[in-house]
Amino acid sequence: MKRNIILFFVILVSFILQTTLFQALSFGGIAPNLLMIVTVSYGFMFDKKYGMVVGFISGLLMDVFYGEVLGFYALIYLYIGAANGTFHAIFFQDDIKLPLVLIAVSDFIYSIVCYVLLFLLRGRFDFQYYLTNIIVPEIVYTMFVTVFLYPCILLLNRTDEDTERGDHTVV
């Protein structure tokens, strides 16, 4: 129950920060994808089902407030959460390298899917422009924010079992 309450507030705060503060701090119209960080982190830390639930809720928030079709972002985030949940077996709290790689790859796949389904099918074929001006800067900015946000998510989700086992290191 405690984990679900924490999850609710993490998703809510991430969504609010992503759509307000980080839009004001955007570089060239590019803001980090905090909901991607949360989805990948929860899927990786807990399991496939948890990643799917977090991804669906995060995507549904994006659909309700910014999507043209209800369920588009929810489905993408759901699949990303499920895919990252498969890496739960190799989860170590002390290692931040694998989560960084997973978040970068997930953000890249998310951006490619959005490009194909939102732009390419409407006749916008300038992939080079989209890659260099939107995809790569968003991945870099998201990676930078991940370095600070991922340890906070780990700290919020630390359980008594982790403390008893001696897993005190956050990063």
Protein backbone atom coordinates (compact mmCIF):
# COMPACT_ATOMS: atom_id res chain seq x y z
CA MET A 1 0.00 0.00 0.00
CA LYS A 2 2.84 2.36 0.89
CA ARG A 3 4.53 1.66 -2.46
CA ASN A 4 1.32 2.48 -4.36
CA ILE A 5 0.90 5.80 -2.56
CA ILE A 6 4.53 6.68 -3.27
CA LEU A 7 4.02 5.64 -6.90
CA PHE A 8 0.94 7.85 -7.24
CA PHE A 9 2.82 10.89 -5.96
CA VAL A 10 5.94 10.17 -8.02
CA ILE A 11 3.88 9.96 -11.22
CA LEU A 12 1.85 13.04 -10.33
CA VAL A 13 4.88 15.16 -9.40
CA SER A 14 6.80 13.97 -12.47
CA PHE A 15 3.89 14.84 -14.75
CA ILE A 16 3.49 18.27 -13.18
CA LEU A 17 7.23 18.99 -13.37
CA GLN A 18 7.45 17.72 -16.95
CA THR A 19 4.57 19.86 -18.14
CA THR A 20 5.35 23.03 -16.19
CA LEU A 21 8.83 23.60 -14.78
CA PHE A 22 10.79 21.67 -17.38
CA GLN A 23 8.81 23.28 -20.20
CA ALA A 24 10.05 26.61 -18.86
CA LEU A 25 13.59 25.19 -18.63
CA SER A 26 13.49 23.72 -22.13
CA PHE A 27 16.42 24.16 -24.49
CA GLY A 28 15.27 24.92 -28.00
CA GLY A 29 11.81 23.58 -27.23
CA ILE A 30 13.22 20.28 -25.89
CA ALA A 31 12.28 19.14 -22.39
CA PRO A 32 13.22 15.92 -20.59
CA ASN A 33 10.74 13.07 -20.50
CA LEU A 34 10.29 12.54 -16.75
CA LEU A 35 7.45 10.09 -17.20
CA MET A 36 9.80 7.92 -19.26
CA ILE A 37 12.31 7.97 -16.42
CA VAL A 38 9.61 6.95 -13.93
CA THR A 39 8.20 4.21 -16.19
CA VAL A 40 11.58 2.67 -16.94
CA SER A 41 12.73 2.96 -13.32
CA TYR A 42 9.67 1.28 -11.84
CA GLY A 43 9.65 -1.45 -14.47
CA PHE A 44 13.33 -2.11 -13.91
CA MET A 45 13.15 -1.95 -10.10
CA PHE A 46 10.06 -4.07 -9.57
CA ASP A 47 8.89 -6.20 -12.49
CA LYS A 48 7.11 -6.37 -15.81
CA LYS A 49 3.58 -5.98 -14.41
CA TYR A 50 4.53 -2.97 -12.30
CA GLY A 51 6.25 -1.39 -15.30
CA MET A 52 3.13 -1.93 -17.39
CA VAL A 53 0.87 -0.31 -14.79
CA VAL A 54 3.19 2.67 -14.32
CA GLY A 55 3.57 3.03 -18.08
CA PHE A 56 -0.15 2.87 -18.69
CA ILE A 57 -0.93 5.47 -16.02
CA SER A 58 1.85 7.77 -17.24
CA GLY A 59 0.77 7.43 -20.86
CA LEU A 60 -2.87 7.93 -19.96
CA LEU A 61 -2.00 11.22 -18.27
CA MET A 62 -0.25 12.32 -21.46
CA ASP A 63 -3.23 11.19 -23.55
CA VAL A 64 -5.81 12.98 -21.45
CA PHE A 65 -3.98 16.29 -21.35
CA TYR A 66 -1.99 16.38 -24.61
CA GLY A 67 -2.96 13.50 -26.88
CA GLU A 68 -5.18 13.61 -29.90
CA VAL A 69 -6.23 9.97 -29.51
CA LEU A 70 -6.96 8.43 -26.13
CA GLY A 71 -4.69 5.46 -25.56
CA PHE A 72 -1.86 6.28 -27.98
CA TYR A 73 0.73 7.30 -25.39
CA ALA A 74 -0.72 4.87 -22.85
CA LEU A 75 0.02 1.96 -25.17
CA ILE A 76 3.55 3.14 -25.97
CA TYR A 77 4.42 3.70 -22.31
CA LEU A 78 2.80 0.37 -21.37
CA TYR A 79 5.03 -1.54 -23.80
CA ILE A 80 8.11 0.37 -22.66
CA GLY A 81 7.34 -0.42 -19.01
CA ALA A 82 6.83 -4.10 -19.85
CA ALA A 83 10.04 -4.29 -21.86
CA ASN A 84 12.07 -2.73 -19.07
CA GLY A 85 10.43 -4.99 -16.52
CA THR A 86 12.14 -7.93 -18.16
CA PHE A 87 15.46 -6.55 -16.87
CA HIS A 88 14.28 -6.80 -13.25
CA ALA A 89 16.29 -10.00 -12.77
CA ILE A 90 19.55 -8.06 -13.14
CA PHE A 91 18.56 -5.09 -10.97
CA PHE A 92 21.23 -3.78 -8.59
CA GLN A 93 20.60 -0.62 -6.60
CA ASP A 94 24.25 0.39 -6.65
CA ASP A 95 24.48 0.45 -10.44
CA ILE A 96 23.18 3.46 -12.35
CA LYS A 97 24.75 2.56 -15.70
CA LEU A 98 22.13 0.01 -16.77
CA PRO A 99 19.17 2.26 -15.89
CA LEU A 100 20.80 5.09 -17.85
CA VAL A 101 21.19 2.86 -20.89
CA LEU A 102 17.64 1.51 -20.56
CA ILE A 103 16.20 5.01 -20.26
CA ALA A 104 18.19 6.22 -23.28
CA VAL A 105 17.13 3.26 -25.42
CA SER A 106 13.50 3.55 -24.26
CA ASP A 107 13.41 7.27 -25.01
CA PHE A 108 14.92 6.61 -28.45
CA ILE A 109 12.33 3.93 -29.23
CA TYR A 110 9.54 6.19 -27.92
CA SER A 111 10.72 9.03 -30.16
CA ILE A 112 11.03 6.79 -33.22
CA VAL A 113 7.53 5.36 -32.71
CA CYS A 114 6.12 8.86 -32.28
CA TYR A 115 7.93 10.02 -35.41
CA VAL A 116 6.64 7.13 -37.50
CA LEU A 117 3.05 7.27 -36.28
CA LEU A 118 2.65 11.04 -35.89
CA PHE A 119 4.85 12.50 -38.64
CA LEU A 120 5.98 9.95 -41.21
CA LEU A 121 2.47 8.69 -41.92
CA ARG A 122 1.40 12.30 -42.57
CA GLY A 123 4.05 12.79 -45.22
CA ARG A 124 6.78 14.48 -43.18
CA PHE A 125 9.86 12.62 -44.37
CA ASP A 126 12.68 14.75 -42.92
CA PHE A 127 13.95 12.15 -40.44
CA GLN A 128 17.44 13.69 -40.30
CA TYR A 129 16.01 16.96 -38.98
CA TYR A 130 13.81 15.17 -36.44
CA LEU A 131 16.72 13.01 -35.27
CA THR A 132 19.25 15.82 -34.83
CA ASN A 133 16.92 18.53 -33.51
CA ILE A 134 14.43 16.58 -31.39
CA ILE A 135 15.36 12.96 -30.64
CA VAL A 136 19.04 13.33 -29.69
CA PRO A 137 18.65 16.54 -27.62
CA GLU A 138 15.69 15.02 -25.73
CA ILE A 139 17.68 11.87 -24.96
CA VAL A 140 20.66 13.89 -23.73
CA TYR A 141 18.48 16.14 -21.56
CA THR A 142 16.57 13.14 -20.20
CA MET A 143 19.84 11.38 -19.38
CA PHE A 144 21.09 14.44 -17.52
CA VAL A 145 17.92 14.62 -15.42
CA THR A 146 18.04 10.85 -14.84
CA VAL A 147 21.32 11.18 -12.98
CA PHE A 148 19.49 13.24 -10.34
CA LEU A 149 15.98 11.76 -10.46
CA TYR A 150 16.77 8.03 -10.47
CA PRO A 151 18.53 8.06 -7.06
CA CYS A 152 15.53 9.94 -5.62
CA ILE A 153 13.16 7.28 -6.95
CA LEU A 154 15.39 4.58 -5.47
CA LEU A 155 15.46 6.34 -2.12
CA LEU A 156 11.67 6.73 -2.03
CA ASN A 157 11.16 3.04 -2.78
CA ARG A 158 13.70 1.64 -0.37
CA THR A 159 12.05 -1.00 1.79
CA ASP A 160 12.85 -2.30 5.25
CA GLU A 161 14.05 -5.54 3.61
CA ASP A 162 16.70 -3.60 1.68
CA THR A 163 17.90 -1.96 4.88
CA GLU A 164 18.08 -5.30 6.70
CA ARG A 165 20.07 -6.86 3.85
CA GLY A 166 22.56 -4.03 4.00
CA ASP A 167 21.72 -2.30 0.71
CA HIS A 168 22.46 1.21 1.96
CA THR A 169 23.98 2.67 -1.16
CA VAL A 170 21.65 4.68 -3.36
CA VAL A 171 23.90 5.34 -6.35
